[in-house]
């Protein structure tokens, strides 16, 4: 984990759903786990985390994370858990009427 100025000043939409799939395609809800990392200010607590921090022991599993902005739009991203030392670098979701 490292501190990031981009995430420190970021205020993202509300987290609504987080899931991870095992190699056997078993779906698991991890919304509350991700919510702890996303933080009360919706800014990933101002940090970039490694895959080991967020998804310990889950290398190769597929994840899906969904958000809902104040205007009701759904935002999401997905991917595969990479190497434990690799940084999990989620996108900064910015409303069209706002700039970073």
C-alpha atoms as a PDB file:
ATOM      1  CA  UNK A   1       0.000   0.000   0.000  1.00  0.00           C
ATOM      2  CA  UNK A   2       1.158   3.521  -0.828  1.00  0.00           C
ATOM      3  CA  UNK A   3      -0.416   6.938  -0.365  1.00  0.00           C
ATOM      4  CA  UNK A   4      -1.647   8.618  -3.544  1.00  0.00           C
ATOM      5  CA  UNK A   5      -2.408  12.302  -4.048  1.00  0.00           C
ATOM      6  CA  UNK A   6      -4.925  11.389  -6.760  1.00  0.00           C
ATOM      7  CA  UNK A   7      -6.998   9.258  -4.416  1.00  0.00           C
ATOM      8  CA  UNK A   8      -6.493  11.560  -1.426  1.00  0.00           C
ATOM      9  CA  UNK A   9      -8.408  14.389  -3.131  1.00  0.00           C
ATOM     10  CA  UNK A  10     -10.910  12.100  -4.852  1.00  0.00           C
ATOM     11  CA  UNK A  11     -14.595  11.779  -3.878  1.00  0.00           C
ATOM     12  CA  UNK A  12     -16.188   8.918  -5.773  1.00  0.00           C
ATOM     13  CA  UNK A  13     -19.733   7.581  -6.044  1.00  0.00           C
ATOM     14  CA  UNK A  14     -21.214   5.182  -3.511  1.00  0.00           C
ATOM     15  CA  UNK A  15     -20.066   1.567  -3.650  1.00  0.00           C
ATOM     16  CA  UNK A  16     -23.054  -0.715  -4.266  1.00  0.00           C
ATOM     17  CA  UNK A  17     -21.682  -4.162  -5.133  1.00  0.00           C
ATOM     18  CA  UNK A  18     -18.416  -6.095  -5.141  1.00  0.00           C
ATOM     19  CA  UNK A  19     -18.047  -9.700  -6.217  1.00  0.00           C
ATOM     20  CA  UNK A  20     -15.246 -12.140  -6.861  1.00  0.00           C
ATOM     21  CA  UNK A  21     -15.365 -15.402  -8.804  1.00  0.00           C
ATOM     22  CA  UNK A  22     -13.137 -18.341  -7.999  1.00  0.00           C
ATOM     23  CA  UNK A  23     -11.602 -20.504 -10.697  1.00  0.00           C
ATOM     24  CA  UNK A  24     -14.666 -22.759 -10.354  1.00  0.00           C
ATOM     25  CA  UNK A  25     -16.925 -19.731 -11.173  1.00  0.00           C
ATOM     26  CA  UNK A  26     -18.322 -19.644  -7.637  1.00  0.00           C
ATOM     27  CA  UNK A  27     -19.502 -16.069  -7.019  1.00  0.00           C
ATOM     28  CA  UNK A  28     -18.809 -14.468  -3.624  1.00  0.00           C
ATOM     29  CA  UNK A  29     -20.116 -11.107  -2.372  1.00  0.00           C
ATOM     30  CA  UNK A  30     -17.201  -9.079  -0.960  1.00  0.00           C
ATOM     31  CA  UNK A  31     -18.937  -5.683  -0.832  1.00  0.00           C
ATOM     32  CA  UNK A  32     -18.211  -5.059   2.852  1.00  0.00           C
ATOM     33  CA  UNK A  33     -14.555  -6.058   2.450  1.00  0.00           C
ATOM     34  CA  UNK A  34     -14.120  -3.618  -0.439  1.00  0.00           C
ATOM     35  CA  UNK A  35     -16.125  -0.929   1.405  1.00  0.00           C
ATOM     36  CA  UNK A  36     -13.461  -0.962   4.161  1.00  0.00           C
ATOM     37  CA  UNK A  37     -10.766  -0.204   1.565  1.00  0.00           C
ATOM     38  CA  UNK A  38     -12.941   2.305  -0.350  1.00  0.00           C
ATOM     39  CA  UNK A  39     -13.417   4.222   2.907  1.00  0.00           C
ATOM     40  CA  UNK A  40     -16.072   6.496   4.374  1.00  0.00           C
ATOM     41  CA  UNK A  41     -15.018   9.321   2.017  1.00  0.00           C
ATOM     42  CA  UNK A  42     -15.258   7.121  -1.112  1.00  0.00           C
ATOM     43  CA  UNK A  43     -11.593   7.763  -1.915  1.00  0.00           C
ATOM     44  CA  UNK A  44      -9.847   4.426  -1.269  1.00  0.00           C
ATOM     45  CA  UNK A  45      -8.633   6.043   1.976  1.00  0.00           C
ATOM     46  CA  UNK A  46      -6.193   8.045  -0.172  1.00  0.00           C
ATOM     47  CA  UNK A  47      -4.142   4.931  -0.975  1.00  0.00           C
ATOM     48  CA  UNK A  48      -3.225   2.496  -3.697  1.00  0.00           C
ATOM     49  CA  UNK A  49      -3.297  -1.085  -2.444  1.00  0.00           C
ATOM     50  CA  UNK A  50      -1.628  -4.217  -3.742  1.00  0.00           C
ATOM     51  CA  UNK A  51      -3.706  -7.160  -4.854  1.00  0.00           C
ATOM     52  CA  UNK A  52      -2.418  -8.953  -1.757  1.00  0.00           C
ATOM     53  CA  UNK A  53      -3.937  -6.183   0.437  1.00  0.00           C
ATOM     54  CA  UNK A  54      -7.355  -6.314  -1.230  1.00  0.00           C
ATOM     55  CA  UNK A  55      -7.614  -9.923  -2.424  1.00  0.00           C
ATOM     56  CA  UNK A  56      -5.208 -12.061  -0.350  1.00  0.00           C
ATOM     57  CA  UNK A  57      -4.677 -15.509  -1.831  1.00  0.00           C
ATOM     58  CA  UNK A  58      -6.998 -14.830  -4.790  1.00  0.00           C
ATOM     59  CA  UNK A  59      -4.486 -14.465  -7.660  1.00  0.00           C
ATOM     60  CA  UNK A  60      -6.197 -15.224 -10.979  1.00  0.00           C
ATOM     61  CA  UNK A  61      -9.745 -14.811  -9.677  1.00  0.00           C
ATOM     62  CA  UNK A  62     -12.088 -12.411 -11.501  1.00  0.00           C
ATOM     63  CA  UNK A  63     -13.617  -9.396  -9.702  1.00  0.00           C
ATOM     64  CA  UNK A  64     -16.467  -6.968 -10.419  1.00  0.00           C
ATOM     65  CA  UNK A  65     -17.044  -3.675  -8.561  1.00  0.00           C
ATOM     66  CA  UNK A  66     -20.077  -1.424  -9.028  1.00  0.00           C
ATOM     67  CA  UNK A  67     -20.927   2.116  -7.914  1.00  0.00           C
ATOM     68  CA  UNK A  68     -23.927   4.431  -8.155  1.00  0.00           C
ATOM     69  CA  UNK A  69     -23.483   8.186  -8.560  1.00  0.00           C
ATOM     70  CA  UNK A  70     -25.803  10.863  -7.158  1.00  0.00           C
ATOM     71  CA  UNK A  71     -27.482  11.261 -10.551  1.00  0.00           C
ATOM     72  CA  UNK A  72     -28.457   7.567 -10.481  1.00  0.00           C
ATOM     73  CA  UNK A  73     -25.934   6.362 -13.064  1.00  0.00           C
ATOM     74  CA  UNK A  74     -24.243   3.007 -12.529  1.00  0.00           C
ATOM     75  CA  UNK A  75     -20.454   2.843 -12.889  1.00  0.00           C
ATOM     76  CA  UNK A  76     -18.481  -0.391 -12.807  1.00  0.00           C
ATOM     77  CA  UNK A  77     -15.200  -2.026 -13.591  1.00  0.00           C
ATOM     78  CA  UNK A  78     -13.909  -5.573 -13.559  1.00  0.00           C
ATOM     79  CA  UNK A  79     -10.694  -7.484 -13.959  1.00  0.00           C
ATOM     80  CA  UNK A  80      -8.530 -10.332 -12.778  1.00  0.00           C
ATOM     81  CA  UNK A  81      -6.518 -10.361  -9.564  1.00  0.00           C
ATOM     82  CA  UNK A  82      -2.899 -10.003 -10.602  1.00  0.00           C
ATOM     83  CA  UNK A  83       0.353 -10.792  -8.842  1.00  0.00           C
ATOM     84  CA  UNK A  84       0.235 -10.173  -5.087  1.00  0.00           C
ATOM     85  CA  UNK A  85       2.885  -7.436  -5.408  1.00  0.00           C
ATOM     86  CA  UNK A  86       1.086  -5.688  -8.286  1.00  0.00           C
ATOM     87  CA  UNK A  87      -0.950  -2.569  -7.441  1.00  0.00           C
ATOM     88  CA  UNK A  88      -4.723  -2.694  -7.706  1.00  0.00           C
ATOM     89  CA  UNK A  89      -5.334   0.586  -9.520  1.00  0.00           C
ATOM     90  CA  UNK A  90      -9.099   1.264  -9.687  1.00  0.00           C
ATOM     91  CA  UNK A  91     -10.351   3.976 -12.045  1.00  0.00           C
ATOM     92  CA  UNK A  92     -11.366   7.378 -10.718  1.00  0.00           C
ATOM     93  CA  UNK A  93     -15.035   7.791 -11.599  1.00  0.00           C
ATOM     94  CA  UNK A  94     -15.821  11.472 -12.124  1.00  0.00           C
ATOM     95  CA  UNK A  95     -19.272  12.876 -12.971  1.00  0.00           C
ATOM     96  CA  UNK A  96     -19.381  14.611 -16.363  1.00  0.00           C
ATOM     97  CA  UNK A  97     -20.014  17.979 -14.699  1.00  0.00           C
ATOM     98  CA  UNK A  98     -16.946  17.669 -12.485  1.00  0.00           C
ATOM     99  CA  UNK A  99     -13.241  17.630 -13.154  1.00  0.00           C
ATOM    100  CA  UNK A 100     -10.382  16.057 -11.233  1.00  0.00           C
END
